[in-house]
């Protein structure tokens, strides 16, 4: 049996050396490495395991899934003398994975907060449009009142009537434009709210999955400590 260093394995598998060292640290229970002098080396049949790990990461799997897959296919090779020092390393790995999980959740929360902020901006703008609509209705009512106060019979001024009619037509057009704009804004708010609800559902799902994953990690650490 030939024994290979991480650097030699990296050359054989074409995996970057820093990545290969990370694989060796995360999955050392399945690699059967041993200390030869000042360098840890691994049996040459571990090349297949390194390639499998790289392939599964390339498929988008997370560390926990890869560990489960390796456990079902390859035996664990934990030395009794190394069992005591294993827990701190696993704790470090778990801490990093917990940090990544929390970072993902925080990112999703930030995304949801951004959507909520956008909704508030739209609602504020709609409030301004509603105020404009109220003002337009007041102006229309005043114009109608002025029409009623116009003189009757021979005292009617046709030019003044035409001027008031044009003013009313202009106000009607403004009111119609504002109403259409409010309709479009309402539809946009509904679509934004649907996006927000979807993000919140996804956030809750991620939180449940993270809790389940952390519980499994805690159970594994307890089992390793015992």
C-alpha atoms as a PDB file:
ATOM      1  CA  UNK A   1       0.000   0.000   0.000  1.00  0.00           C
ATOM      2  CA  UNK A   2       1.296   3.424  -0.942  1.00  0.00           C
ATOM      3  CA  UNK A   3       0.872   6.363   1.412  1.00  0.00           C
ATOM      4  CA  UNK A   4       0.193   9.788  -0.078  1.00  0.00           C
ATOM      5  CA  UNK A   5       0.292  13.302   1.324  1.00  0.00           C
ATOM      6  CA  UNK A   6      -2.534  15.776   0.777  1.00  0.00           C
ATOM      7  CA  UNK A   7      -0.412  17.607  -1.784  1.00  0.00           C
ATOM      8  CA  UNK A   8       0.120  14.384  -3.759  1.00  0.00           C
ATOM      9  CA  UNK A   9      -3.590  13.572  -3.602  1.00  0.00           C
ATOM     10  CA  UNK A  10      -4.404  17.095  -4.810  1.00  0.00           C
ATOM     11  CA  UNK A  11      -2.188  16.563  -7.871  1.00  0.00           C
ATOM     12  CA  UNK A  12      -3.730  13.166  -8.657  1.00  0.00           C
ATOM     13  CA  UNK A  13      -7.326  14.356  -8.304  1.00  0.00           C
ATOM     14  CA  UNK A  14      -6.767  17.887  -9.664  1.00  0.00           C
ATOM     15  CA  UNK A  15      -8.442  19.243  -6.545  1.00  0.00           C
ATOM     16  CA  UNK A  16      -6.907  22.531  -5.319  1.00  0.00           C
ATOM     17  CA  UNK A  17      -4.542  21.850  -2.418  1.00  0.00           C
ATOM     18  CA  UNK A  18      -6.394  24.121   0.086  1.00  0.00           C
ATOM     19  CA  UNK A  19      -9.667  22.378  -0.801  1.00  0.00           C
ATOM     20  CA  UNK A  20      -8.086  18.934  -0.425  1.00  0.00           C
ATOM     21  CA  UNK A  21      -6.749  19.898   3.025  1.00  0.00           C
ATOM     22  CA  UNK A  22     -10.237  21.022   4.036  1.00  0.00           C
ATOM     23  CA  UNK A  23     -11.682  17.692   2.864  1.00  0.00           C
ATOM     24  CA  UNK A  24      -9.006  15.856   4.854  1.00  0.00           C
ATOM     25  CA  UNK A  25      -9.972  17.786   7.990  1.00  0.00           C
ATOM     26  CA  UNK A  26     -13.753  17.453   7.577  1.00  0.00           C
ATOM     27  CA  UNK A  27     -13.843  13.761   6.608  1.00  0.00           C
ATOM     28  CA  UNK A  28     -10.734  12.342   8.288  1.00  0.00           C
ATOM     29  CA  UNK A  29     -12.834   9.599   9.945  1.00  0.00           C
ATOM     30  CA  UNK A  30     -13.266   7.984   6.525  1.00  0.00           C
ATOM     31  CA  UNK A  31      -9.721   8.442   5.179  1.00  0.00           C
ATOM     32  CA  UNK A  32      -7.566   6.327   7.515  1.00  0.00           C
ATOM     33  CA  UNK A  33      -4.685   8.797   7.630  1.00  0.00           C
ATOM     34  CA  UNK A  34      -1.750   8.353   9.946  1.00  0.00           C
ATOM     35  CA  UNK A  35       1.169  10.455  11.064  1.00  0.00           C
ATOM     36  CA  UNK A  36       4.403   9.627   9.252  1.00  0.00           C
ATOM     37  CA  UNK A  37       7.021  11.883  10.734  1.00  0.00           C
ATOM     38  CA  UNK A  38       5.662  15.417  10.658  1.00  0.00           C
ATOM     39  CA  UNK A  39       3.259  14.775   7.760  1.00  0.00           C
ATOM     40  CA  UNK A  40      -0.108  13.027   7.806  1.00  0.00           C
ATOM     41  CA  UNK A  41      -0.439  10.627   4.888  1.00  0.00           C
ATOM     42  CA  UNK A  42      -3.321   8.614   3.533  1.00  0.00           C
ATOM     43  CA  UNK A  43      -3.579   5.220   1.771  1.00  0.00           C
ATOM     44  CA  UNK A  44      -3.724   5.461  -1.991  1.00  0.00           C
ATOM     45  CA  UNK A  45      -7.269   4.037  -2.096  1.00  0.00           C
ATOM     46  CA  UNK A  46      -8.433   7.284  -0.426  1.00  0.00           C
ATOM     47  CA  UNK A  47      -8.060   9.038  -3.781  1.00  0.00           C
ATOM     48  CA  UNK A  48     -11.475   7.642  -4.703  1.00  0.00           C
ATOM     49  CA  UNK A  49     -12.994   9.118  -1.538  1.00  0.00           C
ATOM     50  CA  UNK A  50     -11.494  12.563  -2.237  1.00  0.00           C
ATOM     51  CA  UNK A  51     -12.920  12.469  -5.765  1.00  0.00           C
ATOM     52  CA  UNK A  52     -16.326  11.398  -4.465  1.00  0.00           C
ATOM     53  CA  UNK A  53     -16.362  14.236  -1.924  1.00  0.00           C
ATOM     54  CA  UNK A  54     -15.425  16.768  -4.606  1.00  0.00           C
ATOM     55  CA  UNK A  55     -18.123  15.436  -6.923  1.00  0.00           C
ATOM     56  CA  UNK A  56     -20.847  15.636  -4.250  1.00  0.00           C
ATOM     57  CA  UNK A  57     -19.903  19.213  -3.378  1.00  0.00           C
ATOM     58  CA  UNK A  58     -20.112  19.987  -7.079  1.00  0.00           C
ATOM     59  CA  UNK A  59     -23.659  18.576  -7.084  1.00  0.00           C
ATOM     60  CA  UNK A  60     -24.631  21.120  -4.431  1.00  0.00           C
ATOM     61  CA  UNK A  61     -24.694  18.836  -1.408  1.00  0.00           C
ATOM     62  CA  UNK A  62     -23.840  20.156   2.051  1.00  0.00           C
ATOM     63  CA  UNK A  63     -21.289  18.681   4.456  1.00  0.00           C
ATOM     64  CA  UNK A  64     -23.872  16.770   6.502  1.00  0.00           C
ATOM     65  CA  UNK A  65     -25.295  15.068   3.413  1.00  0.00           C
ATOM     66  CA  UNK A  66     -21.828  14.080   2.190  1.00  0.00           C
ATOM     67  CA  UNK A  67     -20.935  12.691   5.612  1.00  0.00           C
ATOM     68  CA  UNK A  68     -24.099  10.552   5.613  1.00  0.00           C
ATOM     69  CA  UNK A  69     -23.315   9.268   2.117  1.00  0.00           C
ATOM     70  CA  UNK A  70     -19.750   8.333   3.093  1.00  0.00           C
ATOM     71  CA  UNK A  71     -20.937   6.667   6.292  1.00  0.00           C
ATOM     72  CA  UNK A  72     -23.220   4.371   4.292  1.00  0.00           C
ATOM     73  CA  UNK A  73     -20.461   3.413   1.836  1.00  0.00           C
ATOM     74  CA  UNK A  74     -17.145   3.562   3.702  1.00  0.00           C
ATOM     75  CA  UNK A  75     -16.233   2.408   7.230  1.00  0.00           C
ATOM     76  CA  UNK A  76     -15.140   4.969   9.777  1.00  0.00           C
ATOM     77  CA  UNK A  77     -11.505   4.670  10.791  1.00  0.00           C
ATOM     78  CA  UNK A  78     -11.287   6.355  14.183  1.00  0.00           C
ATOM     79  CA  UNK A  79      -8.231   5.468  16.265  1.00  0.00           C
ATOM     80  CA  UNK A  80      -8.833   5.009  19.994  1.00  0.00           C
ATOM     81  CA  UNK A  81      -5.924   7.332  20.776  1.00  0.00           C
ATOM     82  CA  UNK A  82      -7.459  10.035  18.610  1.00  0.00           C
ATOM     83  CA  UNK A  83     -10.984   9.784  20.027  1.00  0.00           C
ATOM     84  CA  UNK A  84     -10.275  12.257  22.810  1.00  0.00           C
ATOM     85  CA  UNK A  85      -9.015  14.907  20.395  1.00  0.00           C
ATOM     86  CA  UNK A  86     -11.812  14.359  17.891  1.00  0.00           C
ATOM     87  CA  UNK A  87     -14.540  16.249  19.761  1.00  0.00           C
ATOM     88  CA  UNK A  88     -12.835  19.685  19.562  1.00  0.00           C
ATOM     89  CA  UNK A  89     -12.316  19.302  15.814  1.00  0.00           C
ATOM     90  CA  UNK A  90     -15.913  18.232  15.289  1.00  0.00           C
ATOM     91  CA  UNK A  91     -17.063  21.113  17.465  1.00  0.00           C
ATOM     92  CA  UNK A  92     -15.103  23.510  15.257  1.00  0.00           C
ATOM     93  CA  UNK A  93     -16.683  22.033  12.131  1.00  0.00           C
ATOM     94  CA  UNK A  94     -20.145  22.217  13.678  1.00  0.00           C
ATOM     95  CA  UNK A  95     -19.498  25.836  14.706  1.00  0.00           C
ATOM     96  CA  UNK A  96     -18.528  26.755  11.134  1.00  0.00           C
ATOM     97  CA  UNK A  97     -21.597  25.050   9.716  1.00  0.00           C
ATOM     98  CA  UNK A  98     -23.847  26.730  12.291  1.00  0.00           C
ATOM     99  CA  UNK A  99     -22.293  30.078  11.355  1.00  0.00           C
ATOM    100  CA  UNK A 100     -22.983  29.419   7.653  1.00  0.00           C
ATOM    101  CA  UNK A 101     -26.567  28.408   8.422  1.00  0.00           C
ATOM    102  CA  UNK A 102     -27.189  31.538  10.491  1.00  0.00           C
ATOM    103  CA  UNK A 103     -25.613  33.688   7.789  1.00  0.00           C
ATOM    104  CA  UNK A 104     -28.060  32.227   5.271  1.00  0.00           C
ATOM    105  CA  UNK A 105     -31.019  32.890   7.557  1.00  0.00           C
ATOM    106  CA  UNK A 106     -29.838  36.441   8.278  1.00  0.00           C
ATOM    107  CA  UNK A 107     -29.527  37.028   4.536  1.00  0.00           C
ATOM    108  CA  UNK A 108     -33.116  35.904   3.991  1.00  0.00           C
ATOM    109  CA  UNK A 109     -34.319  38.101   6.864  1.00  0.00           C
ATOM    110  CA  UNK A 110     -32.524  41.073   5.297  1.00  0.00           C
ATOM    111  CA  UNK A 111     -34.211  40.296   1.982  1.00  0.00           C
ATOM    112  CA  UNK A 112     -37.623  40.207   3.672  1.00  0.00           C
ATOM    113  CA  UNK A 113     -36.923  43.488   5.446  1.00  0.00           C
ATOM    114  CA  UNK A 114     -36.016  45.062   2.118  1.00  0.00           C
ATOM    115  CA  UNK A 115     -39.324  43.905   0.627  1.00  0.00           C
ATOM    116  CA  UNK A 116     -41.183  45.334   3.639  1.00  0.00           C
ATOM    117  CA  UNK A 117     -39.364  48.657   3.230  1.00  0.00           C
ATOM    118  CA  UNK A 118     -40.371  48.734  -0.434  1.00  0.00           C
ATOM    119  CA  UNK A 119     -43.985  48.100   0.564  1.00  0.00           C
ATOM    120  CA  UNK A 120     -43.881  51.002   3.022  1.00  0.00           C
ATOM    121  CA  UNK A 121     -42.559  53.327   0.309  1.00  0.00           C
ATOM    122  CA  UNK A 122     -45.349  52.268  -2.057  1.00  0.00           C
ATOM    123  CA  UNK A 123     -48.015  52.681   0.644  1.00  0.00           C
ATOM    124  CA  UNK A 124     -46.707  56.148   1.530  1.00  0.00           C
ATOM    125  CA  UNK A 125     -46.833  57.136  -2.118  1.00  0.00           C
ATOM    126  CA  UNK A 126     -50.365  55.796  -2.400  1.00  0.00           C
ATOM    127  CA  UNK A 127     -51.384  57.884   0.606  1.00  0.00           C
ATOM    128  CA  UNK A 128     -50.128  60.961  -1.258  1.00  0.00           C
ATOM    129  CA  UNK A 129     -52.175  59.983  -4.313  1.00  0.00           C
ATOM    130  CA  UNK A 130     -55.277  59.474  -2.165  1.00  0.00           C
ATOM    131  CA  UNK A 131     -54.788  62.953  -0.710  1.00  0.00           C
ATOM    132  CA  UNK A 132     -54.536  64.354  -4.241  1.00  0.00           C
ATOM    133  CA  UNK A 133     -57.759  62.558  -5.155  1.00  0.00           C
ATOM    134  CA  UNK A 134     -59.537  64.042  -2.143  1.00  0.00           C
ATOM    135  CA  UNK A 135     -58.321  67.504  -3.170  1.00  0.00           C
ATOM    136  CA  UNK A 136     -59.595  66.921  -6.700  1.00  0.00           C
ATOM    137  CA  UNK A 137     -63.034  65.947  -5.389  1.00  0.00           C
ATOM    138  CA  UNK A 138     -63.128  69.121  -3.268  1.00  0.00           C
ATOM    139  CA  UNK A 139     -62.263  71.220  -6.308  1.00  0.00           C
ATOM    140  CA  UNK A 140     -64.932  69.454  -8.347  1.00  0.00           C
ATOM    141  CA  UNK A 141     -67.527  70.111  -5.667  1.00  0.00           C
ATOM    142  CA  UNK A 142     -66.574  73.778  -5.611  1.00  0.00           C
ATOM    143  CA  UNK A 143     -66.853  73.981  -9.378  1.00  0.00           C
ATOM    144  CA  UNK A 144     -70.292  72.390  -9.306  1.00  0.00           C
ATOM    145  CA  UNK A 145     -71.351  74.863  -6.630  1.00  0.00           C
ATOM    146  CA  UNK A 146     -70.182  77.745  -8.820  1.00  0.00           C
ATOM    147  CA  UNK A 147     -72.203  76.326 -11.719  1.00  0.00           C
ATOM    148  CA  UNK A 148     -75.325  76.381  -9.569  1.00  0.00           C
ATOM    149  CA  UNK A 149     -74.641  80.005  -8.656  1.00  0.00           C
ATOM    150  CA  UNK A 150     -74.517  81.080 -12.316  1.00  0.00           C
ATOM    151  CA  UNK A 151     -77.214  83.628 -13.261  1.00  0.00           C
ATOM    152  CA  UNK A 152     -80.314  82.405 -15.077  1.00  0.00           C
ATOM    153  CA  UNK A 153     -82.340  83.745 -17.987  1.00  0.00           C
ATOM    154  CA  UNK A 154     -80.939  86.706 -19.853  1.00  0.00           C
ATOM    155  CA  UNK A 155     -78.138  87.138 -17.296  1.00  0.00           C
ATOM    156  CA  UNK A 156     -76.369  83.905 -18.373  1.00  0.00           C
ATOM    157  CA  UNK A 157     -72.836  84.503 -19.658  1.00  0.00           C
ATOM    158  CA  UNK A 158     -72.047  81.846 -22.281  1.00  0.00           C
ATOM    159  CA  UNK A 159     -68.307  82.512 -22.175  1.00  0.00           C
ATOM    160  CA  UNK A 160     -68.229  81.964 -18.435  1.00  0.00           C
ATOM    161  CA  UNK A 161     -70.210  78.726 -18.835  1.00  0.00           C
ATOM    162  CA  UNK A 162     -67.760  77.450 -21.452  1.00  0.00           C
ATOM    163  CA  UNK A 163     -64.823  78.347 -19.192  1.00  0.00           C
ATOM    164  CA  UNK A 164     -66.355  76.518 -16.230  1.00  0.00           C
ATOM    165  CA  UNK A 165     -67.158  73.506 -18.433  1.00  0.00           C
ATOM    166  CA  UNK A 166     -63.556  73.258 -19.638  1.00  0.00           C
ATOM    167  CA  UNK A 167     -62.324  73.520 -16.060  1.00  0.00           C
ATOM    168  CA  UNK A 168     -64.652  70.688 -15.050  1.00  0.00           C
ATOM    169  CA  UNK A 169     -63.488  68.533 -17.973  1.00  0.00           C
ATOM    170  CA  UNK A 170     -59.880  69.089 -16.951  1.00  0.00           C
ATOM    171  CA  UNK A 171     -60.629  68.154 -13.331  1.00  0.00           C
ATOM    172  CA  UNK A 172     -62.489  65.056 -14.490  1.00  0.00           C
ATOM    173  CA  UNK A 173     -59.479  64.001 -16.567  1.00  0.00           C
ATOM    174  CA  UNK A 174     -57.157  64.526 -13.576  1.00  0.00           C
ATOM    175  CA  UNK A 175     -59.425  62.478 -11.325  1.00  0.00           C
ATOM    176  CA  UNK A 176     -59.615  59.665 -13.884  1.00  0.00           C
ATOM    177  CA  UNK A 177     -55.808  59.615 -14.225  1.00  0.00           C
ATOM    178  CA  UNK A 178     -55.325  59.486 -10.452  1.00  0.00           C
ATOM    179  CA  UNK A 179     -57.898  56.694 -10.133  1.00  0.00           C
ATOM    180  CA  UNK A 180     -56.153  54.615 -12.785  1.00  0.00           C
ATOM    181  CA  UNK A 181     -52.789  55.177 -11.075  1.00  0.00           C
ATOM    182  CA  UNK A 182     -54.229  54.066  -7.744  1.00  0.00           C
ATOM    183  CA  UNK A 183     -55.556  50.913  -9.378  1.00  0.00           C
ATOM    184  CA  UNK A 184     -52.112  50.060 -10.794  1.00  0.00           C
ATOM    185  CA  UNK A 185     -50.427  50.779  -7.442  1.00  0.00           C
ATOM    186  CA  UNK A 186     -52.882  48.504  -5.645  1.00  0.00           C
ATOM    187  CA  UNK A 187     -52.107  45.643  -8.045  1.00  0.00           C
ATOM    188  CA  UNK A 188     -48.380  46.223  -7.544  1.00  0.00           C
ATOM    189  CA  UNK A 189     -48.786  46.128  -3.757  1.00  0.00           C
ATOM    190  CA  UNK A 190     -50.667  42.812  -3.972  1.00  0.00           C
ATOM    191  CA  UNK A 191     -47.849  41.298  -6.048  1.00  0.00           C
ATOM    192  CA  UNK A 192     -45.213  42.592  -3.620  1.00  0.00           C
ATOM    193  CA  UNK A 193     -47.131  41.192  -0.653  1.00  0.00           C
ATOM    194  CA  UNK A 194     -47.305  37.778  -2.331  1.00  0.00           C
ATOM    195  CA  UNK A 195     -43.517  37.855  -2.735  1.00  0.00           C
ATOM    196  CA  UNK A 196     -43.155  38.823   0.922  1.00  0.00           C
ATOM    197  CA  UNK A 197     -45.382  35.954   2.048  1.00  0.00           C
ATOM    198  CA  UNK A 198     -43.356  33.495  -0.047  1.00  0.00           C
ATOM    199  CA  UNK A 199     -40.100  34.766   1.481  1.00  0.00           C
ATOM    200  CA  UNK A 200     -41.505  34.409   4.994  1.00  0.00           C
ATOM    201  CA  UNK A 201     -42.656  30.834   4.301  1.00  0.00           C
ATOM    202  CA  UNK A 202     -39.201  29.972   2.951  1.00  0.00           C
ATOM    203  CA  UNK A 203     -37.599  31.585   6.005  1.00  0.00           C
ATOM    204  CA  UNK A 204     -39.708  29.484   8.372  1.00  0.00           C
ATOM    205  CA  UNK A 205     -38.799  26.330   6.432  1.00  0.00           C
ATOM    206  CA  UNK A 206     -35.079  27.152   6.607  1.00  0.00           C
ATOM    207  CA  UNK A 207     -35.366  27.748  10.357  1.00  0.00           C
ATOM    208  CA  UNK A 208     -37.011  24.354  10.905  1.00  0.00           C
ATOM    209  CA  UNK A 209     -34.390  22.592   8.788  1.00  0.00           C
ATOM    210  CA  UNK A 210     -31.587  24.342  10.668  1.00  0.00           C
ATOM    211  CA  UNK A 211     -33.063  23.335  14.046  1.00  0.00           C
ATOM    212  CA  UNK A 212     -33.329  19.718  12.896  1.00  0.00           C
ATOM    213  CA  UNK A 213     -29.771  19.754  11.555  1.00  0.00           C
ATOM    214  CA  UNK A 214     -28.361  21.275  14.757  1.00  0.00           C
ATOM    215  CA  UNK A 215     -30.187  18.697  16.869  1.00  0.00           C
ATOM    216  CA  UNK A 216     -28.664  15.884  14.797  1.00  0.00           C
ATOM    217  CA  UNK A 217     -25.190  17.402  15.203  1.00  0.00           C
ATOM    218  CA  UNK A 218     -25.637  17.689  18.959  1.00  0.00           C
ATOM    219  CA  UNK A 219     -26.671  14.022  19.163  1.00  0.00           C
ATOM    220  CA  UNK A 220     -23.599  13.003  17.141  1.00  0.00           C
ATOM    221  CA  UNK A 221     -21.286  14.978  19.399  1.00  0.00           C
ATOM    222  CA  UNK A 222     -22.834  13.365  22.453  1.00  0.00           C
ATOM    223  CA  UNK A 223     -22.367   9.946  20.923  1.00  0.00           C
ATOM    224  CA  UNK A 224     -18.720  10.682  20.064  1.00  0.00           C
ATOM    225  CA  UNK A 225     -18.040  12.000  23.597  1.00  0.00           C
ATOM    226  CA  UNK A 226     -19.490   8.883  25.187  1.00  0.00           C
END
